[in-house]
Amino acid sequence: MSDITITITDRESVTHQVKAPTDMAMNLMEVVRSYGLAPEGTIGVCGGMAMCASCQCYIKSDHKLPEMSADEDLMLAEAFYVEENSRLGCQIPITPELNGLEVELAPES
């Protein structure tokens, strides 16, 4: 098993350094949920389908991420608290290249 380290700042401004497996086809939203870094029912409401923006986060590091899909772009266009570095956590697969990724969870809308 190959784990990477991700730094996640939760909605209470508490920073967590977590390990995330790269061999389980997880995405960033699922990692946040598995560590309980957001209250139950406040993140990943749509189940990771890019339909709710509850997993919006701000990318704080310079990692190369997958291109934003049209669905993600449209969802972010309707979301609150969107910044230039906003992405949906459900659309960011956990890969070895993301080791050291730093993100901040966007406020609840």
C-alpha atoms as a PDB file:
ATOM      1  CA  MET A   1       0.000   0.000   0.000  1.00  0.00           C
ATOM      2  CA  SER A   2       1.283   3.444  -0.916  1.00  0.00           C
ATOM      3  CA  ASP A   3       0.110   6.343   1.228  1.00  0.00           C
ATOM      4  CA  ILE A   4       0.651  10.044   0.659  1.00  0.00           C
ATOM      5  CA  THR A   5       0.481  12.916   3.126  1.00  0.00           C
ATOM      6  CA  ILE A   6      -2.088  15.674   2.641  1.00  0.00           C
ATOM      7  CA  THR A   7      -2.491  18.791   4.783  1.00  0.00           C
ATOM      8  CA  ILE A   8      -6.147  19.774   5.225  1.00  0.00           C
ATOM      9  CA  THR A   9      -7.366  22.897   7.008  1.00  0.00           C
ATOM     10  CA  ASP A  10     -10.919  22.293   8.199  1.00  0.00           C
ATOM     11  CA  ARG A  11     -13.764  24.813   8.459  1.00  0.00           C
ATOM     12  CA  GLU A  12     -12.722  25.683  12.020  1.00  0.00           C
ATOM     13  CA  SER A  13      -9.226  26.692  10.749  1.00  0.00           C
ATOM     14  CA  VAL A  14      -7.619  23.625  12.362  1.00  0.00           C
ATOM     15  CA  THR A  15      -4.865  22.074  10.248  1.00  0.00           C
ATOM     16  CA  HIS A  16      -4.620  18.282   9.968  1.00  0.00           C
ATOM     17  CA  GLN A  17      -1.868  16.248   8.362  1.00  0.00           C
ATOM     18  CA  VAL A  18      -3.432  13.000   7.135  1.00  0.00           C
ATOM     19  CA  LYS A  19      -2.335   9.885   5.292  1.00  0.00           C
ATOM     20  CA  ALA A  20      -4.300   8.945   2.192  1.00  0.00           C
ATOM     21  CA  PRO A  21      -4.002   5.664   0.276  1.00  0.00           C
ATOM     22  CA  THR A  22      -3.252   5.887  -3.433  1.00  0.00           C
ATOM     23  CA  ASP A  23      -4.363   2.328  -4.179  1.00  0.00           C
ATOM     24  CA  MET A  24      -8.040   2.518  -3.162  1.00  0.00           C
ATOM     25  CA  ALA A  25      -9.465   4.812  -5.891  1.00  0.00           C
ATOM     26  CA  MET A  26     -10.395   7.424  -3.283  1.00  0.00           C
ATOM     27  CA  ASN A  27     -10.894  11.122  -3.917  1.00  0.00           C
ATOM     28  CA  LEU A  28     -10.135  14.085  -1.675  1.00  0.00           C
ATOM     29  CA  MET A  29     -13.751  14.390  -0.459  1.00  0.00           C
ATOM     30  CA  GLU A  30     -13.704  10.757   0.676  1.00  0.00           C
ATOM     31  CA  VAL A  31     -10.457  11.333   2.580  1.00  0.00           C
ATOM     32  CA  VAL A  32     -12.003  14.315   4.386  1.00  0.00           C
ATOM     33  CA  ARG A  33     -15.048  12.205   5.270  1.00  0.00           C
ATOM     34  CA  SER A  34     -12.991   9.218   6.414  1.00  0.00           C
ATOM     35  CA  TYR A  35     -11.071  11.404   8.878  1.00  0.00           C
ATOM     36  CA  GLY A  36     -14.233  13.171  10.068  1.00  0.00           C
ATOM     37  CA  LEU A  37     -12.834  16.617   9.209  1.00  0.00           C
ATOM     38  CA  ALA A  38     -16.307  18.010   8.481  1.00  0.00           C
ATOM     39  CA  PRO A  39     -19.537  17.291  10.358  1.00  0.00           C
ATOM     40  CA  GLU A  40     -21.573  14.370   8.998  1.00  0.00           C
ATOM     41  CA  GLY A  41     -23.934  15.488   6.250  1.00  0.00           C
ATOM     42  CA  THR A  42     -22.001  18.657   5.400  1.00  0.00           C
ATOM     43  CA  ILE A  43     -19.548  17.310   2.838  1.00  0.00           C
ATOM     44  CA  GLY A  44     -20.106  15.008  -0.115  1.00  0.00           C
ATOM     45  CA  VAL A  45     -23.866  15.436   0.062  1.00  0.00           C
ATOM     46  CA  CYS A  46     -24.330  14.322  -3.567  1.00  0.00           C
ATOM     47  CA  GLY A  47     -22.059  11.312  -3.106  1.00  0.00           C
ATOM     48  CA  GLY A  48     -19.244  12.678  -5.236  1.00  0.00           C
ATOM     49  CA  MET A  49     -21.143  13.384  -8.445  1.00  0.00           C
ATOM     50  CA  ALA A  50     -20.080  17.076  -8.769  1.00  0.00           C
ATOM     51  CA  MET A  51     -23.687  18.121  -8.165  1.00  0.00           C
ATOM     52  CA  CYS A  52     -23.645  19.979  -4.833  1.00  0.00           C
ATOM     53  CA  ALA A  53     -20.319  21.766  -4.160  1.00  0.00           C
ATOM     54  CA  SER A  54     -20.428  20.741  -0.476  1.00  0.00           C
ATOM     55  CA  CYS A  55     -16.845  19.448  -0.892  1.00  0.00           C
ATOM     56  CA  GLN A  56     -15.477  22.690  -2.349  1.00  0.00           C
ATOM     57  CA  CYS A  57     -11.942  23.362  -1.213  1.00  0.00           C
ATOM     58  CA  TYR A  58      -9.165  25.824  -1.900  1.00  0.00           C
ATOM     59  CA  ILE A  59      -5.931  24.390  -3.296  1.00  0.00           C
ATOM     60  CA  LYS A  60      -3.076  25.998  -1.364  1.00  0.00           C
ATOM     61  CA  SER A  61      -0.096  24.204  -2.929  1.00  0.00           C
ATOM     62  CA  ASP A  62       1.250  24.175  -6.492  1.00  0.00           C
ATOM     63  CA  HIS A  63       0.349  20.591  -7.355  1.00  0.00           C
ATOM     64  CA  LYS A  64      -0.745  19.750 -10.880  1.00  0.00           C
ATOM     65  CA  LEU A  65      -4.344  18.583 -10.631  1.00  0.00           C
ATOM     66  CA  PRO A  66      -6.549  16.881 -13.203  1.00  0.00           C
ATOM     67  CA  GLU A  67      -8.245  19.259 -15.613  1.00  0.00           C
ATOM     68  CA  MET A  68     -11.551  20.599 -14.370  1.00  0.00           C
ATOM     69  CA  SER A  69     -14.499  18.860 -16.039  1.00  0.00           C
ATOM     70  CA  ALA A  70     -17.411  20.808 -17.492  1.00  0.00           C
ATOM     71  CA  ASP A  71     -19.652  19.503 -14.675  1.00  0.00           C
ATOM     72  CA  GLU A  72     -17.236  20.707 -11.994  1.00  0.00           C
ATOM     73  CA  ASP A  73     -16.866  24.097 -13.692  1.00  0.00           C
ATOM     74  CA  LEU A  74     -20.655  24.528 -13.885  1.00  0.00           C
ATOM     75  CA  MET A  75     -21.131  23.522 -10.247  1.00  0.00           C
ATOM     76  CA  LEU A  76     -18.486  25.968  -9.056  1.00  0.00           C
ATOM     77  CA  ALA A  77     -20.146  28.702 -11.143  1.00  0.00           C
ATOM     78  CA  GLU A  78     -23.227  28.316  -8.926  1.00  0.00           C
ATOM     79  CA  ALA A  79     -21.445  27.767  -5.584  1.00  0.00           C
ATOM     80  CA  PHE A  80     -20.819  30.250  -2.768  1.00  0.00           C
ATOM     81  CA  TYR A  81     -17.356  31.401  -1.593  1.00  0.00           C
ATOM     82  CA  VAL A  82     -15.674  30.446  -4.889  1.00  0.00           C
ATOM     83  CA  GLU A  83     -12.065  31.588  -5.299  1.00  0.00           C
ATOM     84  CA  GLU A  84      -9.596  31.234  -8.187  1.00  0.00           C
ATOM     85  CA  ASN A  85      -8.121  28.157  -6.500  1.00  0.00           C
ATOM     86  CA  SER A  86     -11.478  26.468  -5.812  1.00  0.00           C
ATOM     87  CA  ARG A  87     -11.991  22.833  -6.744  1.00  0.00           C
ATOM     88  CA  LEU A  88     -14.454  20.123  -5.793  1.00  0.00           C
ATOM     89  CA  GLY A  89     -12.758  17.534  -3.603  1.00  0.00           C
ATOM     90  CA  CYS A  90     -14.821  14.748  -5.166  1.00  0.00           C
ATOM     91  CA  GLN A  91     -13.149  15.464  -8.500  1.00  0.00           C
ATOM     92  CA  ILE A  92      -9.575  15.120  -7.221  1.00  0.00           C
ATOM     93  CA  PRO A  93      -8.444  11.472  -7.217  1.00  0.00           C
ATOM     94  CA  ILE A  94      -5.763  10.537  -4.710  1.00  0.00           C
ATOM     95  CA  THR A  95      -2.598   9.745  -6.657  1.00  0.00           C
ATOM     96  CA  PRO A  96       1.089   9.524  -5.687  1.00  0.00           C
ATOM     97  CA  GLU A  97       1.710  12.877  -7.431  1.00  0.00           C
ATOM     98  CA  LEU A  98      -0.441  14.624  -4.802  1.00  0.00           C
ATOM     99  CA  ASN A  99       1.954  13.857  -1.948  1.00  0.00           C
ATOM    100  CA  GLY A 100       2.268  17.076   0.080  1.00  0.00           C
ATOM    101  CA  LEU A 101      -0.982  18.574  -1.254  1.00  0.00           C
ATOM    102  CA  GLU A 102      -2.327  21.419   0.899  1.00  0.00           C
ATOM    103  CA  VAL A 103      -6.026  22.307   0.872  1.00  0.00           C
ATOM    104  CA  GLU A 104      -8.508  24.319   2.896  1.00  0.00           C
ATOM    105  CA  LEU A 105     -12.179  23.397   3.098  1.00  0.00           C
ATOM    106  CA  ALA A 106     -14.464  26.162   1.852  1.00  0.00           C
ATOM    107  CA  PRO A 107     -17.108  27.465   4.285  1.00  0.00           C
ATOM    108  CA  GLU A 108     -20.479  25.749   4.303  1.00  0.00           C
ATOM    109  CA  SER A 109     -22.951  27.460   2.020  1.00  0.00           C
END
